[in-house]
Amino acid sequence: MKTIATATAAFVLAWGGATASLADTMPTKPGSNPSAITISCYRGPTSGVVWDRPNAVFVEDLVRIGYSYPQAAAIGERVCRDEYGGGNHDHMRMSLLNILATTPAQR
C-alpha cells in the first residue's frame, strides 16, 4: 500500500511539473496584441488526442473578434482536437485561418 501511495505521489508531482512547463510555451502573451488570436490548447500528458481542448484565452480571442461563445468554443475544439495539430503549430494556424475564412462570425 505504501508503494502505491509513493508511486501515485511521484506521478502527480511529475505531471504537475510537466503541465507548468507547457504553460510557459504559450505563443503570445494574452492581451498583448488586440488584433491577434492566441492559439492555445491544453494537450494533456499523452501524445494522443484524449483531453485536448482550447484554453480560455483562445476562446476569448475568438469572441473578441466577433464570434459568439458557442461558435468560438466549437472552433477552438476543432483546432485543438485535430490530431495533426499536436506539436505542429503551422498546421494549427492554417486550420484556424481556413475555418475563419469559411465560417464568418454570426452574432
PDB file of N, CA and C in Angstrom:
ATOM      1  N   MET A   1       0.820  -1.191   0.000  1.00  0.00           N
ATOM      2  CA  MET A   1       0.000   0.000   0.000  1.00  0.00           C
ATOM      3  C   MET A   1       0.861   1.252   0.000  1.00  0.00           C
ATOM      4  N   LYS A   2       1.958   1.217   0.780  1.00  0.00           N
ATOM      5  CA  LYS A   2       2.848   2.355   0.844  1.00  0.00           C
ATOM      6  C   LYS A   2       3.510   2.604  -0.523  1.00  0.00           C
ATOM      7  N   THR A   3       3.810   1.531  -1.252  1.00  0.00           N
ATOM      8  CA  THR A   3       4.426   1.649  -2.567  1.00  0.00           C
ATOM      9  C   THR A   3       3.481   2.334  -3.553  1.00  0.00           C
ATOM     10  N   ILE A   4       2.208   1.980  -3.487  1.00  0.00           N
ATOM     11  CA  ILE A   4       1.215   2.593  -4.376  1.00  0.00           C
ATOM     12  C   ILE A   4       1.088   4.081  -4.078  1.00  0.00           C
ATOM     13  N   ALA A   5       1.057   4.447  -2.805  1.00  0.00           N
ATOM     14  CA  ALA A   5       0.948   5.852  -2.426  1.00  0.00           C
ATOM     15  C   ALA A   5       2.173   6.635  -2.884  1.00  0.00           C
ATOM     16  N   THR A   6       3.358   6.043  -2.752  1.00  0.00           N
ATOM     17  CA  THR A   6       4.587   6.704  -3.184  1.00  0.00           C
ATOM     18  C   THR A   6       4.603   6.879  -4.697  1.00  0.00           C
ATOM     19  N   ALA A   7       4.203   5.859  -5.429  1.00  0.00           N
ATOM     20  CA  ALA A   7       4.169   5.930  -6.892  1.00  0.00           C
ATOM     21  C   ALA A   7       3.156   6.972  -7.356  1.00  0.00           C
ATOM     22  N   THR A   8       2.016   7.015  -6.701  1.00  0.00           N
ATOM     23  CA  THR A   8       0.991   7.999  -7.052  1.00  0.00           C
ATOM     24  C   THR A   8       1.491   9.413  -6.800  1.00  0.00           C
ATOM     25  N   ALA A   9       2.135   9.632  -5.665  1.00  0.00           N
ATOM     26  CA  ALA A   9       2.664  10.955  -5.345  1.00  0.00           C
ATOM     27  C   ALA A   9       3.724  11.370  -6.361  1.00  0.00           C
ATOM     28  N   ALA A  10       4.577  10.444  -6.760  1.00  0.00           N
ATOM     29  CA  ALA A  10       5.622  10.750  -7.745  1.00  0.00           C
ATOM     30  C   ALA A  10       4.996  11.122  -9.086  1.00  0.00           C
ATOM     31  N   PHE A  11       3.942  10.402  -9.484  1.00  0.00           N
ATOM     32  CA  PHE A  11       3.265  10.704 -10.752  1.00  0.00           C
ATOM     33  C   PHE A  11       2.633  12.091 -10.719  1.00  0.00           C
ATOM     34  N   VAL A  12       1.956  12.409  -9.623  1.00  0.00           N
ATOM     35  CA  VAL A  12       1.288  13.703  -9.501  1.00  0.00           C
ATOM     36  C   VAL A  12       2.309  14.835  -9.556  1.00  0.00           C
ATOM     37  N   LEU A  13       3.430  14.681  -8.869  1.00  0.00           N
ATOM     38  CA  LEU A  13       4.463  15.716  -8.893  1.00  0.00           C
ATOM     39  C   LEU A  13       5.067  15.863 -10.285  1.00  0.00           C
ATOM     40  N   ALA A  14       5.346  14.753 -10.956  1.00  0.00           N
ATOM     41  CA  ALA A  14       5.920  14.805 -12.301  1.00  0.00           C
ATOM     42  C   ALA A  14       4.933  15.409 -13.286  1.00  0.00           C
ATOM     43  N   TRP A  15       3.664  15.041 -13.184  1.00  0.00           N
ATOM     44  CA  TRP A  15       2.646  15.558 -14.088  1.00  0.00           C
ATOM     45  C   TRP A  15       2.444  17.052 -13.865  1.00  0.00           C
ATOM     46  N   GLY A  16       2.429  17.483 -12.609  1.00  0.00           N
ATOM     47  CA  GLY A  16       2.267  18.906 -12.297  1.00  0.00           C
ATOM     48  C   GLY A  16       3.400  19.730 -12.870  1.00  0.00           C
ATOM     49  N   GLY A  17       4.626  19.227 -12.794  1.00  0.00           N
ATOM     50  CA  GLY A  17       5.762  19.924 -13.369  1.00  0.00           C
ATOM     51  C   GLY A  17       5.671  20.003 -14.878  1.00  0.00           C
ATOM     52  N   ALA A  18       5.181  18.941 -15.497  1.00  0.00           N
ATOM     53  CA  ALA A  18       5.057  18.920 -16.962  1.00  0.00           C
ATOM     54  C   ALA A  18       4.022  19.931 -17.429  1.00  0.00           C
ATOM     55  N   THR A  19       2.894  20.035 -16.729  1.00  0.00           N
ATOM     56  CA  THR A  19       1.869  20.984 -17.159  1.00  0.00           C
ATOM     57  C   THR A  19       2.318  22.411 -16.919  1.00  0.00           C
ATOM     58  N   ALA A  20       3.104  22.655 -15.881  1.00  0.00           N
ATOM     59  CA  ALA A  20       3.616  24.001 -15.630  1.00  0.00           C
ATOM     60  C   ALA A  20       4.570  24.410 -16.749  1.00  0.00           C
ATOM     61  N   SER A  21       5.398  23.485 -17.216  1.00  0.00           N
ATOM     62  CA  SER A  21       6.319  23.827 -18.298  1.00  0.00           C
ATOM     63  C   SER A  21       5.572  24.050 -19.605  1.00  0.00           C
ATOM     64  N   LEU A  22       4.457  23.369 -19.826  1.00  0.00           N
ATOM     65  CA  LEU A  22       3.659  23.585 -21.032  1.00  0.00           C
ATOM     66  C   LEU A  22       3.047  24.982 -21.040  1.00  0.00           C
ATOM     67  N   ALA A  23       2.673  25.486 -19.879  1.00  0.00           N
ATOM     68  CA  ALA A  23       2.077  26.814 -19.800  1.00  0.00           C
ATOM     69  C   ALA A  23       3.075  27.894 -20.202  1.00  0.00           C
ATOM     70  N   ASP A  24       4.374  27.632 -20.032  1.00  0.00           N
ATOM     71  CA  ASP A  24       5.389  28.608 -20.390  1.00  0.00           C
ATOM     72  C   ASP A  24       5.595  28.716 -21.893  1.00  0.00           C
ATOM     73  N   THR A  25       5.051  27.809 -22.671  1.00  0.00           N
ATOM     74  CA  THR A  25       5.289  27.805 -24.108  1.00  0.00           C
ATOM     75  C   THR A  25       4.128  28.415 -24.894  1.00  0.00           C
ATOM     76  N   MET A  26       3.328  29.264 -24.269  1.00  0.00           N
ATOM     77  CA  MET A  26       2.226  29.910 -24.976  1.00  0.00           C
ATOM     78  C   MET A  26       2.787  30.750 -26.112  1.00  0.00           C
ATOM     79  N   PRO A  27       2.133  30.791 -27.270  1.00  0.00           N
ATOM     80  CA  PRO A  27       2.671  31.501 -28.424  1.00  0.00           C
ATOM     81  C   PRO A  27       2.799  33.008 -28.231  1.00  0.00           C
ATOM     82  N   THR A  28       1.863  33.637 -27.568  1.00  0.00           N
ATOM     83  CA  THR A  28       1.952  35.066 -27.279  1.00  0.00           C
ATOM     84  C   THR A  28       1.351  35.307 -25.910  1.00  0.00           C
ATOM     85  N   LYS A  29       1.754  36.396 -25.297  1.00  0.00           N
ATOM     86  CA  LYS A  29       1.182  36.743 -24.008  1.00  0.00           C
ATOM     87  C   LYS A  29      -0.263  37.194 -24.231  1.00  0.00           C
ATOM     88  N   PRO A  30      -1.227  36.623 -23.516  1.00  0.00           N
ATOM     89  CA  PRO A  30      -2.625  37.008 -23.711  1.00  0.00           C
ATOM     90  C   PRO A  30      -2.833  38.509 -23.534  1.00  0.00           C
ATOM     91  N   GLY A  31      -3.542  39.099 -24.471  1.00  0.00           N
ATOM     92  CA  GLY A  31      -3.858  40.516 -24.402  1.00  0.00           C
ATOM     93  C   GLY A  31      -2.750  41.438 -24.865  1.00  0.00           C
ATOM     94  N   SER A  32      -1.617  40.891 -25.303  1.00  0.00           N
ATOM     95  CA  SER A  32      -0.502  41.746 -25.707  1.00  0.00           C
ATOM     96  C   SER A  32      -0.711  42.366 -27.085  1.00  0.00           C
ATOM     97  N   ASN A  33      -1.558  41.770 -27.900  1.00  0.00           N
ATOM     98  CA  ASN A  33      -1.848  42.299 -29.230  1.00  0.00           C
ATOM     99  C   ASN A  33      -3.348  42.154 -29.468  1.00  0.00           C
ATOM    100  N   PRO A  34      -4.105  43.255 -29.420  1.00  0.00           N
ATOM    101  CA  PRO A  34      -5.565  43.150 -29.515  1.00  0.00           C
ATOM    102  C   PRO A  34      -6.087  42.613 -30.838  1.00  0.00           C
ATOM    103  N   SER A  35      -5.274  42.615 -31.903  1.00  0.00           N
ATOM    104  CA  SER A  35      -5.757  42.098 -33.181  1.00  0.00           C
ATOM    105  C   SER A  35      -5.302  40.655 -33.434  1.00  0.00           C
ATOM    106  N   ALA A  36      -4.545  40.072 -32.510  1.00  0.00           N
ATOM    107  CA  ALA A  36      -4.035  38.709 -32.686  1.00  0.00           C
ATOM    108  C   ALA A  36      -4.941  37.702 -31.993  1.00  0.00           C
ATOM    109  N   ILE A  37      -4.960  36.500 -32.525  1.00  0.00           N
ATOM    110  CA  ILE A  37      -5.673  35.393 -31.885  1.00  0.00           C
ATOM    111  C   ILE A  37      -4.608  34.449 -31.344  1.00  0.00           C
ATOM    112  N   THR A  38      -4.662  34.201 -30.064  1.00  0.00           N
ATOM    113  CA  THR A  38      -3.715  33.294 -29.428  1.00  0.00           C
ATOM    114  C   THR A  38      -4.257  31.880 -29.534  1.00  0.00           C
ATOM    115  N   ILE A  39      -3.590  31.035 -30.302  1.00  0.00           N
ATOM    116  CA  ILE A  39      -3.981  29.630 -30.390  1.00  0.00           C
ATOM    117  C   ILE A  39      -3.326  28.931 -29.211  1.00  0.00           C
ATOM    118  N   SER A  40      -4.129  28.555 -28.245  1.00  0.00           N
ATOM    119  CA  SER A  40      -3.620  27.946 -27.024  1.00  0.00           C
ATOM    120  C   SER A  40      -4.488  26.754 -26.677  1.00  0.00           C
ATOM    121  N   CYS A  41      -3.868  25.567 -26.640  1.00  0.00           N
ATOM    122  CA  CYS A  41      -4.595  24.333 -26.387  1.00  0.00           C
ATOM    123  C   CYS A  41      -3.988  23.577 -25.212  1.00  0.00           C
ATOM    124  N   TYR A  42      -4.837  22.958 -24.423  1.00  0.00           N
ATOM    125  CA  TYR A  42      -4.371  22.030 -23.402  1.00  0.00           C
ATOM    126  C   TYR A  42      -4.270  20.666 -24.057  1.00  0.00           C
ATOM    127  N   ARG A  43      -3.104  20.066 -24.062  1.00  0.00           N
ATOM    128  CA  ARG A  43      -2.881  18.783 -24.729  1.00  0.00           C
ATOM    129  C   ARG A  43      -2.934  17.600 -23.770  1.00  0.00           C
ATOM    130  N   GLY A  44      -2.663  17.798 -22.516  1.00  0.00           N
ATOM    131  CA  GLY A  44      -2.651  16.683 -21.576  1.00  0.00           C
ATOM    132  C   GLY A  44      -1.329  15.947 -21.602  1.00  0.00           C
ATOM    133  N   PRO A  45      -1.191  14.960 -20.741  1.00  0.00           N
ATOM    134  CA  PRO A  45       0.094  14.265 -20.607  1.00  0.00           C
ATOM    135  C   PRO A  45       0.359  13.205 -21.675  1.00  0.00           C
ATOM    136  N   THR A  46      -0.585  12.941 -22.563  1.00  0.00           N
ATOM    137  CA  THR A  46      -0.385  11.908 -23.585  1.00  0.00           C
ATOM    138  C   THR A  46      -0.200  12.544 -24.952  1.00  0.00           C
ATOM    139  N   SER A  47       0.381  11.796 -25.878  1.00  0.00           N
ATOM    140  CA  SER A  47       0.563  12.319 -27.230  1.00  0.00           C
ATOM    141  C   SER A  47      -0.703  12.160 -28.066  1.00  0.00           C
ATOM    142  N   GLY A  48      -1.624  11.315 -27.632  1.00  0.00           N
ATOM    143  CA  GLY A  48      -2.878  11.130 -28.354  1.00  0.00           C
ATOM    144  C   GLY A  48      -3.879  12.227 -28.033  1.00  0.00           C
ATOM    145  N   VAL A  49      -4.909  12.330 -28.862  1.00  0.00           N
ATOM    146  CA  VAL A  49      -5.963  13.322 -28.644  1.00  0.00           C
ATOM    147  C   VAL A  49      -6.955  12.729 -27.640  1.00  0.00           C
ATOM    148  N   VAL A  50      -6.735  13.036 -26.370  1.00  0.00           N
ATOM    149  CA  VAL A  50      -7.568  12.479 -25.315  1.00  0.00           C
ATOM    150  C   VAL A  50      -8.297  13.594 -24.580  1.00  0.00           C
ATOM    151  N   TRP A  51      -7.534  14.491 -23.947  1.00  0.00           N
ATOM    152  CA  TRP A  51      -8.116  15.571 -23.152  1.00  0.00           C
ATOM    153  C   TRP A  51      -7.985  16.909 -23.851  1.00  0.00           C
ATOM    154  N   ASP A  52      -7.611  16.914 -25.110  1.00  0.00           N
ATOM    155  CA  ASP A  52      -7.322  18.156 -25.816  1.00  0.00           C
ATOM    156  C   ASP A  52      -8.545  19.072 -25.830  1.00  0.00           C
ATOM    157  N   ARG A  53      -8.286  20.331 -25.535  1.00  0.00           N
ATOM    158  CA  ARG A  53      -9.349  21.334 -25.518  1.00  0.00           C
ATOM    159  C   ARG A  53      -8.723  22.711 -25.637  1.00  0.00           C
ATOM    160  N   PRO A  54      -9.479  23.709 -26.068  1.00  0.00           N
ATOM    161  CA  PRO A  54      -8.926  25.060 -26.157  1.00  0.00           C
ATOM    162  C   PRO A  54      -8.812  25.687 -24.771  1.00  0.00           C
ATOM    163  N   ASN A  55      -7.754  26.435 -24.554  1.00  0.00           N
ATOM    164  CA  ASN A  55      -7.635  27.208 -23.323  1.00  0.00           C
ATOM    165  C   ASN A  55      -8.514  28.447 -23.438  1.00  0.00           C
ATOM    166  N   ALA A  56      -8.829  29.042 -22.303  1.00  0.00           N
ATOM    167  CA  ALA A  56      -9.761  30.175 -22.263  1.00  0.00           C
ATOM    168  C   ALA A  56      -9.302  31.339 -23.130  1.00  0.00           C
ATOM    169  N   VAL A  57      -8.005  31.616 -23.185  1.00  0.00           N
ATOM    170  CA  VAL A  57      -7.520  32.755 -23.959  1.00  0.00           C
ATOM    171  C   VAL A  57      -7.840  32.582 -25.443  1.00  0.00           C
ATOM    172  N   PHE A  58      -7.799  31.365 -25.953  1.00  0.00           N
ATOM    173  CA  PHE A  58      -8.116  31.085 -27.349  1.00  0.00           C
ATOM    174  C   PHE A  58      -9.586  31.400 -27.623  1.00  0.00           C
ATOM    175  N   VAL A  59     -10.475  30.881 -26.797  1.00  0.00           N
ATOM    176  CA  VAL A  59     -11.915  31.108 -26.976  1.00  0.00           C
ATOM    177  C   VAL A  59     -12.241  32.592 -26.813  1.00  0.00           C
ATOM    178  N   GLU A  60     -11.652  33.241 -25.812  1.00  0.00           N
ATOM    179  CA  GLU A  60     -11.924  34.660 -25.574  1.00  0.00           C
ATOM    180  C   GLU A  60     -11.457  35.534 -26.738  1.00  0.00           C
ATOM    181  N   ASP A  61     -10.324  35.187 -27.349  1.00  0.00           N
ATOM    182  CA  ASP A  61      -9.863  35.945 -28.519  1.00  0.00           C
ATOM    183  C   ASP A  61     -10.833  35.816 -29.690  1.00  0.00           C
ATOM    184  N   LEU A  62     -11.385  34.628 -29.886  1.00  0.00           N
ATOM    185  CA  LEU A  62     -12.369  34.433 -30.954  1.00  0.00           C
ATOM    186  C   LEU A  62     -13.651  35.206 -30.671  1.00  0.00           C
ATOM    187  N   VAL A  63     -14.079  35.240 -29.418  1.00  0.00           N
ATOM    188  CA  VAL A  63     -15.271  36.018 -29.040  1.00  0.00           C
ATOM    189  C   VAL A  63     -15.004  37.504 -29.270  1.00  0.00           C
ATOM    190  N   ARG A  64     -13.802  37.954 -28.927  1.00  0.00           N
ATOM    191  CA  ARG A  64     -13.448  39.367 -29.087  1.00  0.00           C
ATOM    192  C   ARG A  64     -13.514  39.822 -30.548  1.00  0.00           C
ATOM    193  N   ILE A  65     -13.221  38.933 -31.496  1.00  0.00           N
ATOM    194  CA  ILE A  65     -13.260  39.344 -32.909  1.00  0.00           C
ATOM    195  C   ILE A  65     -14.635  39.161 -33.541  1.00  0.00           C
ATOM    196  N   GLY A  66     -15.629  38.716 -32.754  1.00  0.00           N
ATOM    197  CA  GLY A  66     -16.993  38.717 -33.266  1.00  0.00           C
ATOM    198  C   GLY A  66     -17.747  37.408 -33.253  1.00  0.00           C
ATOM    199  N   TYR A  67     -17.122  36.322 -32.848  1.00  0.00           N
ATOM    200  CA  TYR A  67     -17.824  35.040 -32.784  1.00  0.00           C
ATOM    201  C   TYR A  67     -18.600  34.942 -31.478  1.00  0.00           C
ATOM    202  N   SER A  68     -19.737  34.260 -31.516  1.00  0.00           N
ATOM    203  CA  SER A  68     -20.470  34.010 -30.277  1.00  0.00           C
ATOM    204  C   SER A  68     -19.674  32.980 -29.474  1.00  0.00           C
ATOM    205  N   TYR A  69     -19.974  32.892 -28.184  1.00  0.00           N
ATOM    206  CA  TYR A  69     -19.228  31.944 -27.355  1.00  0.00           C
ATOM    207  C   TYR A  69     -19.372  30.500 -27.855  1.00  0.00           C
ATOM    208  N   PRO A  70     -20.581  30.023 -28.211  1.00  0.00           N
ATOM    209  CA  PRO A  70     -20.679  28.652 -28.732  1.00  0.00           C
ATOM    210  C   PRO A  70     -19.880  28.434 -30.017  1.00  0.00           C
ATOM    211  N   GLN A  71     -19.886  29.442 -30.913  1.00  0.00           N
ATOM    212  CA  GLN A  71     -19.086  29.329 -32.142  1.00  0.00           C
ATOM    213  C   GLN A  71     -17.598  29.275 -31.805  1.00  0.00           C
ATOM    214  N   ALA A  72     -17.159  30.164 -30.925  1.00  0.00           N
ATOM    215  CA  ALA A  72     -15.740  30.223 -30.555  1.00  0.00           C
ATOM    216  C   ALA A  72     -15.291  28.921 -29.903  1.00  0.00           C
ATOM    217  N   ALA A  73     -16.116  28.376 -29.027  1.00  0.00           N
ATOM    218  CA  ALA A  73     -15.775  27.112 -28.370  1.00  0.00           C
ATOM    219  C   ALA A  73     -15.698  25.974 -29.389  1.00  0.00           C
ATOM    220  N   ALA A  74     -16.612  25.964 -30.353  1.00  0.00           N
ATOM    221  CA  ALA A  74     -16.602  24.914 -31.378  1.00  0.00           C
ATOM    222  C   ALA A  74     -15.365  25.034 -32.274  1.00  0.00           C
ATOM    223  N   ILE A  75     -15.009  26.250 -32.643  1.00  0.00           N
ATOM    224  CA  ILE A  75     -13.807  26.449 -33.459  1.00  0.00           C
ATOM    225  C   ILE A  75     -12.571  26.018 -32.675  1.00  0.00           C
ATOM    226  N   GLY A  76     -12.507  26.416 -31.417  1.00  0.00           N
ATOM    227  CA  GLY A  76     -11.375  26.021 -30.582  1.00  0.00           C
ATOM    228  C   GLY A  76     -11.263  24.514 -30.438  1.00  0.00           C
ATOM    229  N   GLU A  77     -12.391  23.850 -30.239  1.00  0.00           N
ATOM    230  CA  GLU A  77     -12.386  22.379 -30.142  1.00  0.00           C
ATOM    231  C   GLU A  77     -11.886  21.759 -31.437  1.00  0.00           C
ATOM    232  N   ARG A  78     -12.327  22.296 -32.560  1.00  0.00           N
ATOM    233  CA  ARG A  78     -11.927  21.746 -33.859  1.00  0.00           C
ATOM    234  C   ARG A  78     -10.423  21.875 -34.075  1.00  0.00           C
ATOM    235  N   VAL A  79      -9.882  23.037 -33.768  1.00  0.00           N
ATOM    236  CA  VAL A  79      -8.445  23.266 -33.956  1.00  0.00           C
ATOM    237  C   VAL A  79      -7.632  22.446 -32.960  1.00  0.00           C
ATOM    238  N   CYS A  80      -8.031  22.445 -31.706  1.00  0.00           N
ATOM    239  CA  CYS A  80      -7.240  21.775 -30.670  1.00  0.00           C
ATOM    240  C   CYS A  80      -7.345  20.253 -30.722  1.00  0.00           C
ATOM    241  N   ARG A  81      -8.445  19.720 -31.194  1.00  0.00           N
ATOM    242  CA  ARG A  81      -8.605  18.265 -31.223  1.00  0.00           C
ATOM    243  C   ARG A  81      -8.135  17.628 -32.534  1.00  0.00           C
ATOM    244  N   ASP A  82      -7.597  18.414 -33.429  1.00  0.00           N
ATOM    245  CA  ASP A  82      -7.059  17.888 -34.680  1.00  0.00           C
ATOM    246  C   ASP A  82      -5.769  17.131 -34.377  1.00  0.00           C
ATOM    247  N   GLU A  83      -5.760  15.842 -34.666  1.00  0.00           N
ATOM    248  CA  GLU A  83      -4.606  15.011 -34.316  1.00  0.00           C
ATOM    249  C   GLU A  83      -3.341  15.409 -35.057  1.00  0.00           C
ATOM    250  N   TYR A  84      -3.460  16.096 -36.185  1.00  0.00           N
ATOM    251  CA  TYR A  84      -2.275  16.544 -36.917  1.00  0.00           C
ATOM    252  C   TYR A  84      -1.710  17.844 -36.350  1.00  0.00           C
ATOM    253  N   GLY A  85      -2.478  18.510 -35.514  1.00  0.00           N
ATOM    254  CA  GLY A  85      -2.037  19.778 -34.941  1.00  0.00           C
ATOM    255  C   GLY A  85      -1.141  19.649 -33.741  1.00  0.00           C
ATOM    256  N   GLY A  86      -1.111  18.498 -33.094  1.00  0.00           N
ATOM    257  CA  GLY A  86      -0.283  18.304 -31.906  1.00  0.00           C
ATOM    258  C   GLY A  86       1.188  18.492 -32.229  1.00  0.00           C
ATOM    259  N   GLY A  87       1.775  19.563 -31.709  1.00  0.00           N
ATOM    260  CA  GLY A  87       3.182  19.838 -31.961  1.00  0.00           C
ATOM    261  C   GLY A  87       3.458  20.465 -33.320  1.00  0.00           C
ATOM    262  N   ASN A  88       2.421  20.697 -34.110  1.00  0.00           N
ATOM    263  CA  ASN A  88       2.592  21.272 -35.439  1.00  0.00           C
ATOM    264  C   ASN A  88       1.847  22.606 -35.484  1.00  0.00           C
ATOM    265  N   HIS A  89       2.518  23.660 -35.059  1.00  0.00           N
ATOM    266  CA  HIS A  89       1.871  24.966 -34.939  1.00  0.00           C
ATOM    267  C   HIS A  89       1.439  25.531 -36.289  1.00  0.00           C
ATOM    268  N   ASP A  90       2.202  25.249 -37.332  1.00  0.00           N
ATOM    269  CA  ASP A  90       1.809  25.732 -38.662  1.00  0.00           C
ATOM    270  C   ASP A  90       0.486  25.119 -39.108  1.00  0.00           C
ATOM    271  N   HIS A  91       0.284  23.830 -38.806  1.00  0.00           N
ATOM    272  CA  HIS A  91      -0.971  23.173 -39.165  1.00  0.00           C
ATOM    273  C   HIS A  91      -2.134  23.781 -38.383  1.00  0.00           C
ATOM    274  N   MET A  92      -1.919  24.046 -37.098  1.00  0.00           N
ATOM    275  CA  MET A  92      -2.978  24.651 -36.286  1.00  0.00           C
ATOM    276  C   MET A  92      -3.329  26.041 -36.825  1.00  0.00           C
ATOM    277  N   ARG A  93      -2.316  26.813 -37.186  1.00  0.00           N
ATOM    278  CA  ARG A  93      -2.538  28.155 -37.716  1.00  0.00           C
ATOM    279  C   ARG A  93      -3.315  28.089 -39.030  1.00  0.00           C
ATOM    280  N   MET A  94      -2.891  27.220 -39.941  1.00  0.00           N
ATOM    281  CA  MET A  94      -3.572  27.112 -41.225  1.00  0.00           C
ATOM    282  C   MET A  94      -5.003  26.586 -41.062  1.00  0.00           C
ATOM    283  N   SER A  95      -5.192  25.670 -40.136  1.00  0.00           N
ATOM    284  CA  SER A  95      -6.529  25.149 -39.861  1.00  0.00           C
ATOM    285  C   SER A  95      -7.448  26.267 -39.367  1.00  0.00           C
ATOM    286  N   LEU A  96      -6.939  27.091 -38.443  1.00  0.00           N
ATOM    287  CA  LEU A  96      -7.737  28.206 -37.927  1.00  0.00           C
ATOM    288  C   LEU A  96      -8.044  29.213 -39.030  1.00  0.00           C
ATOM    289  N   LEU A  97      -7.060  29.556 -39.835  1.00  0.00           N
ATOM    290  CA  LEU A  97      -7.291  30.513 -40.929  1.00  0.00           C
ATOM    291  C   LEU A  97      -8.330  29.990 -41.914  1.00  0.00           C
ATOM    292  N   ASN A  98      -8.295  28.703 -42.198  1.00  0.00           N
ATOM    293  CA  ASN A  98      -9.276  28.097 -43.097  1.00  0.00           C
ATOM    294  C   ASN A  98     -10.681  28.169 -42.497  1.00  0.00           C
ATOM    295  N   ILE A  99     -10.793  27.869 -41.219  1.00  0.00           N
ATOM    296  CA  ILE A  99     -12.101  27.928 -40.549  1.00  0.00           C
ATOM    297  C   ILE A  99     -12.622  29.352 -40.536  1.00  0.00           C
ATOM    298  N   LEU A 100     -11.759  30.328 -40.227  1.00  0.00           N
ATOM    299  CA  LEU A 100     -12.198  31.723 -40.185  1.00  0.00           C
ATOM    300  C   LEU A 100     -12.620  32.214 -41.569  1.00  0.00           C
ATOM    301  N   ALA A 101     -11.955  31.741 -42.607  1.00  0.00           N
ATOM    302  CA  ALA A 101     -12.307  32.170 -43.962  1.00  0.00           C
ATOM    303  C   ALA A 101     -13.625  31.559 -44.435  1.00  0.00           C
ATOM    304  N   THR A 102     -13.937  30.357 -43.987  1.00  0.00           N
ATOM    305  CA  THR A 102     -15.138  29.680 -44.465  1.00  0.00           C
ATOM    306  C   THR A 102     -16.325  29.821 -43.517  1.00  0.00           C
ATOM    307  N   THR A 103     -16.086  30.275 -42.298  1.00  0.00           N
ATOM    308  CA  THR A 103     -17.162  30.413 -41.310  1.00  0.00           C
ATOM    309  C   THR A 103     -17.143  31.809 -40.729  1.00  0.00           C
ATOM    310  N   PRO A 104     -17.875  32.728 -41.330  1.00  0.00           N
ATOM    311  CA  PRO A 104     -17.878  34.099 -40.790  1.00  0.00           C
ATOM    312  C   PRO A 104     -18.562  34.163 -39.424  1.00  0.00           C
ATOM    313  N   ALA A 105     -18.179  35.153 -38.666  1.00  0.00           N
ATOM    314  CA  ALA A 105     -18.783  35.351 -37.335  1.00  0.00           C
ATOM    315  C   ALA A 105     -20.249  35.705 -37.496  1.00  0.00           C
ATOM    316  N   GLN A 106     -21.099  35.116 -36.660  1.00  0.00           N
ATOM    317  CA  GLN A 106     -22.547  35.395 -36.671  1.00  0.00           C
ATOM    318  C   GLN A 106     -22.981  35.764 -35.280  1.00  0.00           C
ATOM    319  N   ARG A 107     -23.325  36.994 -35.090  1.00  0.00           N
ATOM    320  CA  ARG A 107     -23.776  37.435 -33.759  1.00  0.00           C
ATOM    321  C   ARG A 107     -25.257  37.553 -33.719  1.00  0.00           C
TER     322      ARG A 107
END
